[in-house]
Amino acid sequence: MRLIPRLVATAVTGVLAVGLLASPAQATPPNIPSKATATTELAALTVAAEANADTYDRDLFPHWITISGTCNTRETVLKRDGTSVVVSSACAATSGSWYSPYDGETWTAASDLDIDHIVPLAEAWRSGASAWTTSKRQDFANDLTRPQLIAVTDNVNQSKSDQDPTTWKPPLTSYYCTYAKMWVAVKYYWGLTLQSAEKTALTSMLSTCSS
């Protein structure tokens, strides 16, 4: 009579184990603020119309730069955001697994991933970076200290392009909170402005946060 409960318990344990193994590791950029902090920072941002869009050039934001040894910024983020990542002597990722929190997809080839600038370079240019030095723009484009860079599915990143949250949000609504907190943190630290509609969109996204 004890055999059936034991079999059931074993089966349940097995299901739980499989579930744990199947749960993907999520990319987590550093220094993502709490909802309260992001809300305070959002309120402090200057609302202004965008400017200088016609003078933007991606080359004005030098990237990717060498971070350590043979590893550049892209390769550093791939190692940070992946699971069991193996790299060559040139720091190119040869194997590993990457979960893209924008769309919930998991990839095993680094070529399927882009490194997204949470606040796109063109968006930064229109929001104040046009007045920066090239050195400051390089620091922004390679910022590993703030939650500005993340490995995501390449075509999802390409669909985002240089849009702000007014016109583009991650496909997974469950990621709205984190995305908004990262966006606000980056704009706040770098002293960038935002548009009124952008602020409204971010406020709505932050309302989905529990903390």
C-alpha atoms as a PDB file:
ATOM      1  CA  MET A   1       0.000   0.000   0.000  1.00  0.00           C
ATOM      2  CA  ARG A   2       2.984   2.342   0.506  1.00  0.00           C
ATOM      3  CA  LEU A   3       4.275   1.744  -3.008  1.00  0.00           C
ATOM      4  CA  ILE A   4       1.726   3.971  -4.776  1.00  0.00           C
ATOM      5  CA  PRO A   5       2.338   7.070  -2.610  1.00  0.00           C
ATOM      6  CA  ARG A   6       6.077   6.513  -3.057  1.00  0.00           C
ATOM      7  CA  LEU A   7       5.670   6.321  -6.844  1.00  0.00           C
ATOM      8  CA  VAL A   8       3.508   9.419  -6.824  1.00  0.00           C
ATOM      9  CA  ALA A   9       6.021  11.279  -4.701  1.00  0.00           C
ATOM     10  CA  THR A  10       8.825  10.197  -7.027  1.00  0.00           C
ATOM     11  CA  ALA A  11       6.855  11.336 -10.072  1.00  0.00           C
ATOM     12  CA  VAL A  12       6.085  14.700  -8.502  1.00  0.00           C
ATOM     13  CA  THR A  13       9.726  15.141  -7.545  1.00  0.00           C
ATOM     14  CA  GLY A  14      10.699  14.326 -11.103  1.00  0.00           C
ATOM     15  CA  VAL A  15       8.263  16.872 -12.501  1.00  0.00           C
ATOM     16  CA  LEU A  16       9.582  19.502 -10.139  1.00  0.00           C
ATOM     17  CA  ALA A  17      13.150  18.694 -11.112  1.00  0.00           C
ATOM     18  CA  VAL A  18      12.331  18.962 -14.791  1.00  0.00           C
ATOM     19  CA  GLY A  19      10.556  22.255 -14.163  1.00  0.00           C
ATOM     20  CA  LEU A  20      13.560  23.639 -12.347  1.00  0.00           C
ATOM     21  CA  LEU A  21      15.904  22.562 -15.101  1.00  0.00           C
ATOM     22  CA  ALA A  22      13.653  24.010 -17.767  1.00  0.00           C
ATOM     23  CA  SER A  23      13.339  27.396 -16.094  1.00  0.00           C
ATOM     24  CA  PRO A  24      15.605  29.740 -18.088  1.00  0.00           C
ATOM     25  CA  ALA A  25      18.213  31.950 -16.511  1.00  0.00           C
ATOM     26  CA  GLN A  26      17.320  35.559 -17.244  1.00  0.00           C
ATOM     27  CA  ALA A  27      19.689  38.284 -18.291  1.00  0.00           C
ATOM     28  CA  THR A  28      19.938  40.809 -15.504  1.00  0.00           C
ATOM     29  CA  PRO A  29      21.802  44.048 -16.217  1.00  0.00           C
ATOM     30  CA  PRO A  30      23.234  45.739 -13.121  1.00  0.00           C
ATOM     31  CA  ASN A  31      21.704  48.413 -10.917  1.00  0.00           C
ATOM     32  CA  ILE A  32      18.052  48.124 -11.925  1.00  0.00           C
ATOM     33  CA  PRO A  33      16.237  50.431  -9.494  1.00  0.00           C
ATOM     34  CA  SER A  34      13.170  49.651  -7.415  1.00  0.00           C
ATOM     35  CA  LYS A  35       9.766  50.871  -8.531  1.00  0.00           C
ATOM     36  CA  ALA A  36       9.910  53.641  -5.920  1.00  0.00           C
ATOM     37  CA  THR A  37      13.322  54.853  -7.067  1.00  0.00           C
ATOM     38  CA  ALA A  38      12.373  54.686 -10.745  1.00  0.00           C
ATOM     39  CA  THR A  39       9.181  56.629 -10.042  1.00  0.00           C
ATOM     40  CA  THR A  40      11.160  59.344  -8.234  1.00  0.00           C
ATOM     41  CA  GLU A  41      13.733  59.503 -11.026  1.00  0.00           C
ATOM     42  CA  LEU A  42      11.041  59.664 -13.702  1.00  0.00           C
ATOM     43  CA  ALA A  43       9.437  62.644 -11.954  1.00  0.00           C
ATOM     44  CA  ALA A  44      12.819  64.397 -11.923  1.00  0.00           C
ATOM     45  CA  LEU A  45      13.480  64.047 -15.659  1.00  0.00           C
ATOM     46  CA  THR A  46      13.071  67.124 -17.817  1.00  0.00           C
ATOM     47  CA  VAL A  47      10.253  66.951 -20.352  1.00  0.00           C
ATOM     48  CA  ALA A  48      11.295  68.469 -23.661  1.00  0.00           C
ATOM     49  CA  ALA A  49      10.810  68.032 -27.383  1.00  0.00           C
ATOM     50  CA  GLU A  50      13.439  66.001 -29.200  1.00  0.00           C
ATOM     51  CA  ALA A  51      15.995  67.844 -31.311  1.00  0.00           C
ATOM     52  CA  ASN A  52      18.758  67.366 -33.873  1.00  0.00           C
ATOM     53  CA  ALA A  53      17.387  64.097 -35.246  1.00  0.00           C
ATOM     54  CA  ASP A  54      18.667  64.899 -38.741  1.00  0.00           C
ATOM     55  CA  THR A  55      22.290  65.164 -37.560  1.00  0.00           C
ATOM     56  CA  TYR A  56      22.480  61.744 -35.873  1.00  0.00           C
ATOM     57  CA  ASP A  57      25.250  59.382 -36.971  1.00  0.00           C
ATOM     58  CA  ARG A  58      25.869  56.061 -35.224  1.00  0.00           C
ATOM     59  CA  ASP A  59      29.623  56.562 -35.606  1.00  0.00           C
ATOM     60  CA  LEU A  60      29.352  59.456 -33.150  1.00  0.00           C
ATOM     61  CA  PHE A  61      28.942  56.796 -30.424  1.00  0.00           C
ATOM     62  CA  PRO A  62      32.124  54.652 -30.725  1.00  0.00           C
ATOM     63  CA  HIS A  63      31.432  51.001 -29.863  1.00  0.00           C
ATOM     64  CA  TRP A  64      32.163  48.234 -29.212  1.00  0.00           C
ATOM     65  CA  ILE A  65      35.340  49.037 -27.275  1.00  0.00           C
ATOM     66  CA  THR A  66      37.808  46.692 -25.587  1.00  0.00           C
ATOM     67  CA  ILE A  67      36.778  45.986 -22.000  1.00  0.00           C
ATOM     68  CA  SER A  68      39.318  43.425 -20.824  1.00  0.00           C
ATOM     69  CA  GLY A  69      41.980  41.403 -22.638  1.00  0.00           C
ATOM     70  CA  THR A  70      40.511  40.417 -26.009  1.00  0.00           C
ATOM     71  CA  CYS A  71      36.903  40.980 -24.909  1.00  0.00           C
ATOM     72  CA  ASN A  72      34.919  43.913 -26.241  1.00  0.00           C
ATOM     73  CA  THR A  73      31.629  45.236 -24.881  1.00  0.00           C
ATOM     74  CA  ARG A  74      29.416  42.898 -26.907  1.00  0.00           C
ATOM     75  CA  GLU A  75      31.393  39.842 -25.853  1.00  0.00           C
ATOM     76  CA  THR A  76      31.399  40.962 -22.222  1.00  0.00           C
ATOM     77  CA  VAL A  77      27.594  41.279 -22.207  1.00  0.00           C
ATOM     78  CA  LEU A  78      27.192  37.884 -23.901  1.00  0.00           C
ATOM     79  CA  LYS A  79      29.280  36.292 -21.133  1.00  0.00           C
ATOM     80  CA  ARG A  80      27.368  38.161 -18.432  1.00  0.00           C
ATOM     81  CA  ASP A  81      23.891  37.409 -19.734  1.00  0.00           C
ATOM     82  CA  GLY A  82      24.396  33.813 -20.868  1.00  0.00           C
ATOM     83  CA  THR A  83      24.515  30.470 -19.121  1.00  0.00           C
ATOM     84  CA  SER A  84      27.556  28.148 -19.396  1.00  0.00           C
ATOM     85  CA  VAL A  85      29.147  30.431 -21.974  1.00  0.00           C
ATOM     86  CA  VAL A  86      32.403  29.181 -23.484  1.00  0.00           C
ATOM     87  CA  VAL A  87      34.608  31.616 -25.405  1.00  0.00           C
ATOM     88  CA  SER A  88      37.572  31.265 -27.734  1.00  0.00           C
ATOM     89  CA  SER A  89      40.987  32.843 -27.191  1.00  0.00           C
ATOM     90  CA  ALA A  90      39.605  35.829 -29.110  1.00  0.00           C
ATOM     91  CA  CYS A  91      36.679  36.028 -26.620  1.00  0.00           C
ATOM     92  CA  ALA A  92      34.099  34.969 -29.219  1.00  0.00           C
ATOM     93  CA  ALA A  93      31.298  32.912 -27.643  1.00  0.00           C
ATOM     94  CA  THR A  94      31.515  29.385 -29.067  1.00  0.00           C
ATOM     95  CA  SER A  95      28.744  27.835 -26.977  1.00  0.00           C
ATOM     96  CA  GLY A  96      26.257  28.674 -24.267  1.00  0.00           C
ATOM     97  CA  SER A  97      22.600  29.464 -23.744  1.00  0.00           C
ATOM     98  CA  TRP A  98      20.890  32.844 -23.739  1.00  0.00           C
ATOM     99  CA  TYR A  99      17.357  33.689 -22.641  1.00  0.00           C
ATOM    100  CA  SER A 100      15.932  36.831 -24.210  1.00  0.00           C
ATOM    101  CA  PRO A 101      13.587  38.458 -21.674  1.00  0.00           C
ATOM    102  CA  TYR A 102      11.989  40.662 -24.329  1.00  0.00           C
ATOM    103  CA  ASP A 103      10.299  37.727 -26.072  1.00  0.00           C
ATOM    104  CA  GLY A 104      10.936  34.659 -23.903  1.00  0.00           C
ATOM    105  CA  GLU A 105      13.083  32.876 -26.495  1.00  0.00           C
ATOM    106  CA  THR A 106      16.207  30.855 -25.660  1.00  0.00           C
ATOM    107  CA  TRP A 107      19.149  30.679 -28.065  1.00  0.00           C
ATOM    108  CA  THR A 108      22.304  28.569 -28.220  1.00  0.00           C
ATOM    109  CA  ALA A 109      24.122  30.535 -30.926  1.00  0.00           C
ATOM    110  CA  ALA A 110      25.565  33.957 -30.132  1.00  0.00           C
ATOM    111  CA  SER A 111      24.827  35.008 -33.715  1.00  0.00           C
ATOM    112  CA  ASP A 112      21.102  34.947 -32.873  1.00  0.00           C
ATOM    113  CA  LEU A 113      21.558  37.736 -30.335  1.00  0.00           C
ATOM    114  CA  ASP A 114      22.021  41.473 -30.472  1.00  0.00           C
ATOM    115  CA  ILE A 115      23.203  43.625 -27.613  1.00  0.00           C
ATOM    116  CA  ASP A 116      20.431  46.153 -27.178  1.00  0.00           C
ATOM    117  CA  HIS A 117      21.022  49.666 -25.932  1.00  0.00           C
ATOM    118  CA  ILE A 118      18.007  50.061 -23.635  1.00  0.00           C
ATOM    119  CA  VAL A 119      17.992  53.745 -24.518  1.00  0.00           C
ATOM    120  CA  PRO A 120      18.939  53.645 -28.220  1.00  0.00           C
ATOM    121  CA  LEU A 121      21.863  55.745 -29.390  1.00  0.00           C
ATOM    122  CA  ALA A 122      19.674  57.787 -31.758  1.00  0.00           C
ATOM    123  CA  GLU A 123      17.158  58.359 -28.957  1.00  0.00           C
ATOM    124  CA  ALA A 124      19.961  59.576 -26.696  1.00  0.00           C
ATOM    125  CA  TRP A 125      21.184  61.904 -29.446  1.00  0.00           C
ATOM    126  CA  ARG A 126      17.719  63.442 -29.793  1.00  0.00           C
ATOM    127  CA  SER A 127      17.401  63.720 -26.010  1.00  0.00           C
ATOM    128  CA  GLY A 128      20.586  65.635 -25.247  1.00  0.00           C
ATOM    129  CA  ALA A 129      23.594  63.538 -26.268  1.00  0.00           C
ATOM    130  CA  SER A 130      24.111  65.712 -29.364  1.00  0.00           C
ATOM    131  CA  ALA A 131      25.719  68.224 -27.013  1.00  0.00           C
ATOM    132  CA  TRP A 132      28.118  65.684 -25.477  1.00  0.00           C
ATOM    133  CA  THR A 133      31.742  65.063 -26.313  1.00  0.00           C
ATOM    134  CA  THR A 134      32.606  61.970 -28.353  1.00  0.00           C
ATOM    135  CA  SER A 135      34.282  60.546 -25.252  1.00  0.00           C
ATOM    136  CA  LYS A 136      31.067  60.846 -23.231  1.00  0.00           C
ATOM    137  CA  ARG A 137      29.056  59.285 -26.043  1.00  0.00           C
ATOM    138  CA  GLN A 138      31.521  56.384 -26.111  1.00  0.00           C
ATOM    139  CA  ASP A 139      31.026  55.872 -22.376  1.00  0.00           C
ATOM    140  CA  PHE A 140      27.254  55.862 -22.894  1.00  0.00           C
ATOM    141  CA  ALA A 141      27.380  53.385 -25.775  1.00  0.00           C
ATOM    142  CA  ASN A 142      29.496  50.960 -23.736  1.00  0.00           C
ATOM    143  CA  ASP A 143      27.953  51.492 -20.301  1.00  0.00           C
ATOM    144  CA  LEU A 144      28.226  48.269 -18.303  1.00  0.00           C
ATOM    145  CA  THR A 145      27.546  49.919 -14.940  1.00  0.00           C
ATOM    146  CA  ARG A 146      23.983  51.071 -15.551  1.00  0.00           C
ATOM    147  CA  PRO A 147      21.199  48.795 -16.925  1.00  0.00           C
ATOM    148  CA  GLN A 148      21.830  50.042 -20.481  1.00  0.00           C
ATOM    149  CA  LEU A 149      23.003  46.893 -22.301  1.00  0.00           C
ATOM    150  CA  ILE A 150      21.279  43.513 -22.600  1.00  0.00           C
ATOM    151  CA  ALA A 151      21.517  40.453 -24.860  1.00  0.00           C
ATOM    152  CA  VAL A 152      18.224  39.851 -26.690  1.00  0.00           C
ATOM    153  CA  THR A 153      16.861  38.140 -29.802  1.00  0.00           C
ATOM    154  CA  ASP A 154      18.359  39.934 -32.795  1.00  0.00           C
ATOM    155  CA  ASN A 155      15.206  40.491 -34.853  1.00  0.00           C
ATOM    156  CA  VAL A 156      13.329  41.770 -31.784  1.00  0.00           C
ATOM    157  CA  ASN A 157      16.070  44.312 -31.193  1.00  0.00           C
ATOM    158  CA  GLN A 158      15.949  45.280 -34.846  1.00  0.00           C
ATOM    159  CA  SER A 159      12.179  45.789 -34.664  1.00  0.00           C
ATOM    160  CA  LYS A 160      12.753  48.153 -31.739  1.00  0.00           C
ATOM    161  CA  SER A 161      15.350  50.145 -33.692  1.00  0.00           C
ATOM    162  CA  ASP A 162      15.548  53.636 -32.129  1.00  0.00           C
ATOM    163  CA  GLN A 163      12.003  53.800 -30.772  1.00  0.00           C
ATOM    164  CA  ASP A 164      11.108  54.910 -27.258  1.00  0.00           C
ATOM    165  CA  PRO A 165       8.356  53.301 -25.111  1.00  0.00           C
ATOM    166  CA  THR A 166       5.717  55.484 -26.741  1.00  0.00           C
ATOM    167  CA  THR A 167       5.858  53.335 -29.890  1.00  0.00           C
ATOM    168  CA  TRP A 168       7.752  50.181 -28.853  1.00  0.00           C
ATOM    169  CA  LYS A 169       7.576  47.906 -25.821  1.00  0.00           C
ATOM    170  CA  PRO A 170       8.940  44.374 -25.254  1.00  0.00           C
ATOM    171  CA  PRO A 171       6.658  41.679 -26.727  1.00  0.00           C
ATOM    172  CA  LEU A 172       6.327  40.142 -23.242  1.00  0.00           C
ATOM    173  CA  THR A 173       4.073  42.377 -21.147  1.00  0.00           C
ATOM    174  CA  SER A 174       5.530  40.719 -18.045  1.00  0.00           C
ATOM    175  CA  TYR A 175       8.794  42.550 -18.811  1.00  0.00           C
ATOM    176  CA  TYR A 176       7.249  46.022 -19.006  1.00  0.00           C
ATOM    177  CA  CYS A 177       8.123  46.805 -15.396  1.00  0.00           C
ATOM    178  CA  THR A 178      11.801  45.882 -15.666  1.00  0.00           C
ATOM    179  CA  TYR A 179      12.188  47.553 -19.045  1.00  0.00           C
ATOM    180  CA  ALA A 180      10.681  50.813 -17.803  1.00  0.00           C
ATOM    181  CA  LYS A 181      12.845  50.816 -14.676  1.00  0.00           C
ATOM    182  CA  MET A 182      15.972  50.305 -16.792  1.00  0.00           C
ATOM    183  CA  TRP A 183      14.982  53.017 -19.283  1.00  0.00           C
ATOM    184  CA  VAL A 184      14.323  55.554 -16.534  1.00  0.00           C
ATOM    185  CA  ALA A 185      17.547  54.710 -14.680  1.00  0.00           C
ATOM    186  CA  VAL A 186      19.637  55.247 -17.798  1.00  0.00           C
ATOM    187  CA  LYS A 187      18.002  58.534 -18.762  1.00  0.00           C
ATOM    188  CA  TYR A 188      18.232  59.795 -15.191  1.00  0.00           C
ATOM    189  CA  TYR A 189      21.911  58.955 -14.730  1.00  0.00           C
ATOM    190  CA  TRP A 190      22.925  60.439 -18.075  1.00  0.00           C
ATOM    191  CA  GLY A 191      20.762  63.544 -17.706  1.00  0.00           C
ATOM    192  CA  LEU A 192      18.714  62.934 -20.838  1.00  0.00           C
ATOM    193  CA  THR A 193      15.322  64.505 -21.470  1.00  0.00           C
ATOM    194  CA  LEU A 194      12.085  62.755 -22.382  1.00  0.00           C
ATOM    195  CA  GLN A 195       8.923  63.634 -24.255  1.00  0.00           C
ATOM    196  CA  SER A 196       5.533  64.009 -22.597  1.00  0.00           C
ATOM    197  CA  ALA A 197       4.109  60.917 -24.355  1.00  0.00           C
ATOM    198  CA  GLU A 198       7.207  58.951 -23.397  1.00  0.00           C
ATOM    199  CA  LYS A 199       6.710  59.893 -19.736  1.00  0.00           C
ATOM    200  CA  THR A 200       3.073  58.788 -19.926  1.00  0.00           C
ATOM    201  CA  ALA A 201       4.078  55.431 -21.422  1.00  0.00           C
ATOM    202  CA  LEU A 202       6.745  54.863 -18.771  1.00  0.00           C
ATOM    203  CA  THR A 203       4.329  55.777 -15.968  1.00  0.00           C
ATOM    204  CA  SER A 204       1.895  53.190 -17.277  1.00  0.00           C
ATOM    205  CA  MET A 205       4.617  50.532 -17.520  1.00  0.00           C
ATOM    206  CA  LEU A 206       5.853  51.255 -13.997  1.00  0.00           C
ATOM    207  CA  SER A 207       2.301  50.757 -12.736  1.00  0.00           C
ATOM    208  CA  THR A 208       2.724  47.049 -13.557  1.00  0.00           C
ATOM    209  CA  CYS A 209       5.561  46.762 -11.018  1.00  0.00           C
ATOM    210  CA  SER A 210       5.026  45.147  -7.653  1.00  0.00           C
ATOM    211  CA  SER A 211       8.273  46.553  -6.276  1.00  0.00           C
END
